[in-house]
Amino acid sequence: MARSNDGDRNQETFPAMAASRVEGTAKDHGADLSALEAAEPEFRQEDFSDLVSLLGAKAVLLWIDELRTRLQGLISNGGKEPAVLQPVVHNIIGKAGMLGFRELAECCARLEQEMLSGRCLTSLEAVLREARRVDEALPRLKQTLRKQEGG
């Protein structure tokens, strides 16, 4: 497990989180975690667990769906419509950060600052790349959470 840059919170990659969170349940449900070994987005298990404890699994499942919808909108827009892009990016910052995808949240925050200041959107490619990675990981995160909850 790696330490964050500021050393105050543990961070795990998504595969490590999935493996550690479902080690007992995965065997019980026959889950195959081998697909999680690809390059995955940075994931902070502690942030995600805190959110599940605070809101409950059902609400977090809705958050995952909402984030996925926003990410797919961002990816399909690709920065072609900046007026549409800013509110979507702003929404992603909060949801991604609370769900444990801090790298995506940080990339989006940099992009939002570039948009608000009128600078060239140099962070757009990094945001789109990370958005694609998180978008691909969210269904597995959702599946893992459902298995933990027994449903």
C-alpha atoms as a PDB file:
ATOM      1  CA  MET A   1       0.000   0.000   0.000  1.00  0.00           C
ATOM      2  CA  ALA A   2       1.389   3.377  -0.983  1.00  0.00           C
ATOM      3  CA  ARG A   3       1.281   6.547   1.099  1.00  0.00           C
ATOM      4  CA  SER A   4      -0.177   9.715  -0.303  1.00  0.00           C
ATOM      5  CA  ASN A   5       2.073  12.665  -1.049  1.00  0.00           C
ATOM      6  CA  ASP A   6       1.112  14.389   2.166  1.00  0.00           C
ATOM      7  CA  GLY A   7       1.477  11.127   4.125  1.00  0.00           C
ATOM      8  CA  ASP A   8      -1.813  11.493   5.972  1.00  0.00           C
ATOM      9  CA  ARG A   9      -4.017   8.939   4.231  1.00  0.00           C
ATOM     10  CA  ASN A  10      -3.470   5.502   2.823  1.00  0.00           C
ATOM     11  CA  GLN A  11      -4.185   4.987  -0.824  1.00  0.00           C
ATOM     12  CA  GLU A  12      -4.605   1.807  -2.761  1.00  0.00           C
ATOM     13  CA  THR A  13      -4.925   1.051  -6.404  1.00  0.00           C
ATOM     14  CA  PHE A  14      -8.351  -0.124  -7.440  1.00  0.00           C
ATOM     15  CA  PRO A  15      -7.252  -3.793  -7.812  1.00  0.00           C
ATOM     16  CA  ALA A  16      -5.778  -3.812  -4.309  1.00  0.00           C
ATOM     17  CA  MET A  17      -8.969  -2.304  -2.934  1.00  0.00           C
ATOM     18  CA  ALA A  18     -11.173  -4.779  -4.701  1.00  0.00           C
ATOM     19  CA  ALA A  19      -9.065  -7.718  -3.629  1.00  0.00           C
ATOM     20  CA  SER A  20      -8.877  -6.633   0.005  1.00  0.00           C
ATOM     21  CA  ARG A  21     -12.542  -5.654   0.264  1.00  0.00           C
ATOM     22  CA  VAL A  22     -13.928  -8.856  -1.206  1.00  0.00           C
ATOM     23  CA  GLU A  23     -11.389 -11.458  -0.162  1.00  0.00           C
ATOM     24  CA  GLY A  24     -13.969 -13.473   1.759  1.00  0.00           C
ATOM     25  CA  THR A  25     -16.980 -12.577  -0.314  1.00  0.00           C
ATOM     26  CA  ALA A  26     -15.256 -13.096  -3.649  1.00  0.00           C
ATOM     27  CA  LYS A  27     -14.694 -16.746  -2.880  1.00  0.00           C
ATOM     28  CA  ASP A  28     -18.252 -17.121  -1.631  1.00  0.00           C
ATOM     29  CA  HIS A  29     -19.681 -15.599  -4.819  1.00  0.00           C
ATOM     30  CA  GLY A  30     -17.111 -16.991  -7.227  1.00  0.00           C
ATOM     31  CA  ALA A  31     -15.932 -13.512  -8.235  1.00  0.00           C
ATOM     32  CA  ASP A  32     -13.046 -13.355 -10.688  1.00  0.00           C
ATOM     33  CA  LEU A  33     -10.753 -10.469  -9.766  1.00  0.00           C
ATOM     34  CA  SER A  34      -8.235 -11.132 -12.550  1.00  0.00           C
ATOM     35  CA  ALA A  35      -9.884  -8.482 -14.752  1.00  0.00           C
ATOM     36  CA  LEU A  36      -8.932  -5.850 -12.156  1.00  0.00           C
ATOM     37  CA  GLU A  37      -5.227  -6.289 -12.819  1.00  0.00           C
ATOM     38  CA  ALA A  38      -5.161  -3.882 -15.772  1.00  0.00           C
ATOM     39  CA  ALA A  39      -3.985  -0.302 -15.294  1.00  0.00           C
ATOM     40  CA  GLU A  40      -6.631   1.117 -13.005  1.00  0.00           C
ATOM     41  CA  PRO A  41      -7.203   4.582 -11.621  1.00  0.00           C
ATOM     42  CA  GLU A  42      -5.837   5.497  -8.223  1.00  0.00           C
ATOM     43  CA  PHE A  43      -8.425   4.607  -5.622  1.00  0.00           C
ATOM     44  CA  ARG A  44      -8.509   5.547  -1.949  1.00  0.00           C
ATOM     45  CA  GLN A  45     -10.312   2.834  -0.080  1.00  0.00           C
ATOM     46  CA  GLU A  46     -10.545   4.868   3.114  1.00  0.00           C
ATOM     47  CA  ASP A  47     -12.464   7.675   1.367  1.00  0.00           C
ATOM     48  CA  PHE A  48     -14.851   5.173  -0.202  1.00  0.00           C
ATOM     49  CA  SER A  49     -15.417   3.296   3.062  1.00  0.00           C
ATOM     50  CA  ASP A  50     -16.084   6.566   4.889  1.00  0.00           C
ATOM     51  CA  LEU A  51     -18.710   7.494   2.308  1.00  0.00           C
ATOM     52  CA  VAL A  52     -20.402   4.080   2.528  1.00  0.00           C
ATOM     53  CA  SER A  53     -20.453   4.372   6.322  1.00  0.00           C
ATOM     54  CA  LEU A  54     -21.900   7.870   6.125  1.00  0.00           C
ATOM     55  CA  LEU A  55     -24.513   7.449   3.385  1.00  0.00           C
ATOM     56  CA  GLY A  56     -25.084   3.705   3.182  1.00  0.00           C
ATOM     57  CA  ALA A  57     -24.504   1.356   0.279  1.00  0.00           C
ATOM     58  CA  LYS A  58     -27.725   2.205  -1.594  1.00  0.00           C
ATOM     59  CA  ALA A  59     -26.915   5.912  -1.720  1.00  0.00           C
ATOM     60  CA  VAL A  60     -23.314   5.229  -2.755  1.00  0.00           C
ATOM     61  CA  LEU A  61     -24.558   2.990  -5.570  1.00  0.00           C
ATOM     62  CA  LEU A  62     -26.582   5.976  -6.813  1.00  0.00           C
ATOM     63  CA  TRP A  63     -23.499   8.210  -6.548  1.00  0.00           C
ATOM     64  CA  ILE A  64     -21.560   5.714  -8.648  1.00  0.00           C
ATOM     65  CA  ASP A  65     -24.297   5.814 -11.303  1.00  0.00           C
ATOM     66  CA  GLU A  66     -24.366   9.628 -11.240  1.00  0.00           C
ATOM     67  CA  LEU A  67     -20.589   9.853 -11.568  1.00  0.00           C
ATOM     68  CA  ARG A  68     -20.616   7.396 -14.443  1.00  0.00           C
ATOM     69  CA  THR A  69     -23.277   9.445 -16.251  1.00  0.00           C
ATOM     70  CA  ARG A  70     -21.205  12.626 -15.778  1.00  0.00           C
ATOM     71  CA  LEU A  71     -18.028  10.907 -16.950  1.00  0.00           C
ATOM     72  CA  GLN A  72     -19.680   9.577 -20.071  1.00  0.00           C
ATOM     73  CA  GLY A  73     -21.000  13.058 -20.835  1.00  0.00           C
ATOM     74  CA  LEU A  74     -17.538  14.522 -20.335  1.00  0.00           C
ATOM     75  CA  ILE A  75     -15.919  11.877 -22.526  1.00  0.00           C
ATOM     76  CA  SER A  76     -18.460  12.312 -25.321  1.00  0.00           C
ATOM     77  CA  ASN A  77     -18.143  16.134 -25.152  1.00  0.00           C
ATOM     78  CA  GLY A  78     -14.361  15.880 -25.254  1.00  0.00           C
ATOM     79  CA  GLY A  79     -14.021  19.591 -24.571  1.00  0.00           C
ATOM     80  CA  LYS A  80     -15.844  20.625 -27.745  1.00  0.00           C
ATOM     81  CA  GLU A  81     -18.390  22.677 -25.806  1.00  0.00           C
ATOM     82  CA  PRO A  82     -16.608  24.521 -22.964  1.00  0.00           C
ATOM     83  CA  ALA A  83     -19.844  26.082 -21.677  1.00  0.00           C
ATOM     84  CA  VAL A  84     -21.239  22.594 -21.084  1.00  0.00           C
ATOM     85  CA  LEU A  85     -17.934  21.307 -19.766  1.00  0.00           C
ATOM     86  CA  GLN A  86     -17.490  23.539 -16.695  1.00  0.00           C
ATOM     87  CA  PRO A  87     -20.556  22.455 -14.663  1.00  0.00           C
ATOM     88  CA  VAL A  88     -19.909  18.805 -15.497  1.00  0.00           C
ATOM     89  CA  VAL A  89     -16.286  19.073 -14.391  1.00  0.00           C
ATOM     90  CA  HIS A  90     -17.340  20.864 -11.201  1.00  0.00           C
ATOM     91  CA  ASN A  91     -19.793  18.086 -10.355  1.00  0.00           C
ATOM     92  CA  ILE A  92     -17.199  15.396 -11.040  1.00  0.00           C
ATOM     93  CA  ILE A  93     -14.724  17.009  -8.616  1.00  0.00           C
ATOM     94  CA  GLY A  94     -16.971  16.404  -5.620  1.00  0.00           C
ATOM     95  CA  LYS A  95     -18.322  12.991  -6.540  1.00  0.00           C
ATOM     96  CA  ALA A  96     -14.986  11.544  -7.647  1.00  0.00           C
ATOM     97  CA  GLY A  97     -13.202  12.831  -4.552  1.00  0.00           C
ATOM     98  CA  MET A  98     -15.822  11.496  -2.152  1.00  0.00           C
ATOM     99  CA  LEU A  99     -15.866   8.103  -3.888  1.00  0.00           C
ATOM    100  CA  GLY A 100     -12.081   7.811  -3.543  1.00  0.00           C
ATOM    101  CA  PHE A 101     -10.925   8.760  -7.041  1.00  0.00           C
ATOM    102  CA  ARG A 102      -8.746  11.665  -5.938  1.00  0.00           C
ATOM    103  CA  GLU A 103      -6.542  11.780  -9.040  1.00  0.00           C
ATOM    104  CA  LEU A 104      -9.612  12.382 -11.203  1.00  0.00           C
ATOM    105  CA  ALA A 105     -10.899  15.001  -8.771  1.00  0.00           C
ATOM    106  CA  GLU A 106      -7.530  16.797  -8.771  1.00  0.00           C
ATOM    107  CA  CYS A 107      -7.261  16.737 -12.585  1.00  0.00           C
ATOM    108  CA  CYS A 108     -10.787  18.136 -12.852  1.00  0.00           C
ATOM    109  CA  ALA A 109     -10.004  20.861 -10.298  1.00  0.00           C
ATOM    110  CA  ARG A 110      -6.985  21.957 -12.382  1.00  0.00           C
ATOM    111  CA  LEU A 111      -9.135  21.985 -15.523  1.00  0.00           C
ATOM    112  CA  GLU A 112     -11.863  23.979 -13.784  1.00  0.00           C
ATOM    113  CA  GLN A 113      -9.322  26.593 -12.710  1.00  0.00           C
ATOM    114  CA  GLU A 114      -8.047  26.833 -16.282  1.00  0.00           C
ATOM    115  CA  MET A 115     -11.608  27.351 -17.540  1.00  0.00           C
ATOM    116  CA  LEU A 116     -12.451  29.949 -14.906  1.00  0.00           C
ATOM    117  CA  SER A 117      -9.263  31.911 -15.541  1.00  0.00           C
ATOM    118  CA  GLY A 118      -9.625  31.770 -19.326  1.00  0.00           C
ATOM    119  CA  ARG A 119      -6.315  29.966 -19.762  1.00  0.00           C
ATOM    120  CA  CYS A 120      -5.610  27.328 -22.364  1.00  0.00           C
ATOM    121  CA  LEU A 121      -7.124  23.987 -21.325  1.00  0.00           C
ATOM    122  CA  THR A 122      -3.846  22.117 -20.850  1.00  0.00           C
ATOM    123  CA  SER A 123      -5.390  19.699 -18.331  1.00  0.00           C
ATOM    124  CA  LEU A 124      -8.149  18.495 -20.647  1.00  0.00           C
ATOM    125  CA  GLU A 125      -6.280  15.477 -22.011  1.00  0.00           C
ATOM    126  CA  ALA A 126      -5.306  14.318 -18.498  1.00  0.00           C
ATOM    127  CA  VAL A 127      -8.922  14.684 -17.367  1.00  0.00           C
ATOM    128  CA  LEU A 128     -10.246  12.716 -20.335  1.00  0.00           C
ATOM    129  CA  ARG A 129      -7.658   9.967 -19.841  1.00  0.00           C
ATOM    130  CA  GLU A 130      -8.433   9.619 -16.125  1.00  0.00           C
ATOM    131  CA  ALA A 131     -12.187   9.889 -16.790  1.00  0.00           C
ATOM    132  CA  ARG A 132     -11.979   6.910 -19.151  1.00  0.00           C
ATOM    133  CA  ARG A 133     -10.055   4.871 -16.574  1.00  0.00           C
ATOM    134  CA  VAL A 134     -12.538   5.642 -13.795  1.00  0.00           C
ATOM    135  CA  ASP A 135     -15.513   5.082 -16.107  1.00  0.00           C
ATOM    136  CA  GLU A 136     -14.212   1.593 -16.887  1.00  0.00           C
ATOM    137  CA  ALA A 137     -13.619   0.843 -13.180  1.00  0.00           C
ATOM    138  CA  LEU A 138     -16.981   2.013 -11.824  1.00  0.00           C
ATOM    139  CA  PRO A 139     -19.036  -1.038 -12.856  1.00  0.00           C
ATOM    140  CA  ARG A 140     -16.590  -3.294 -11.003  1.00  0.00           C
ATOM    141  CA  LEU A 141     -16.690  -1.048  -7.946  1.00  0.00           C
ATOM    142  CA  LYS A 142     -20.475  -1.171  -8.029  1.00  0.00           C
ATOM    143  CA  GLN A 143     -20.437  -4.964  -8.355  1.00  0.00           C
ATOM    144  CA  THR A 144     -18.028  -5.259  -5.426  1.00  0.00           C
ATOM    145  CA  LEU A 145     -20.205  -3.056  -3.225  1.00  0.00           C
ATOM    146  CA  ARG A 146     -23.328  -5.039  -4.125  1.00  0.00           C
ATOM    147  CA  LYS A 147     -21.585  -8.290  -3.218  1.00  0.00           C
ATOM    148  CA  GLN A 148     -20.513  -6.874   0.127  1.00  0.00           C
ATOM    149  CA  GLU A 149     -24.069  -5.870   0.849  1.00  0.00           C
ATOM    150  CA  GLY A 150     -25.330  -9.326  -0.056  1.00  0.00           C
ATOM    151  CA  GLY A 151     -27.185  -8.263  -3.159  1.00  0.00           C
END
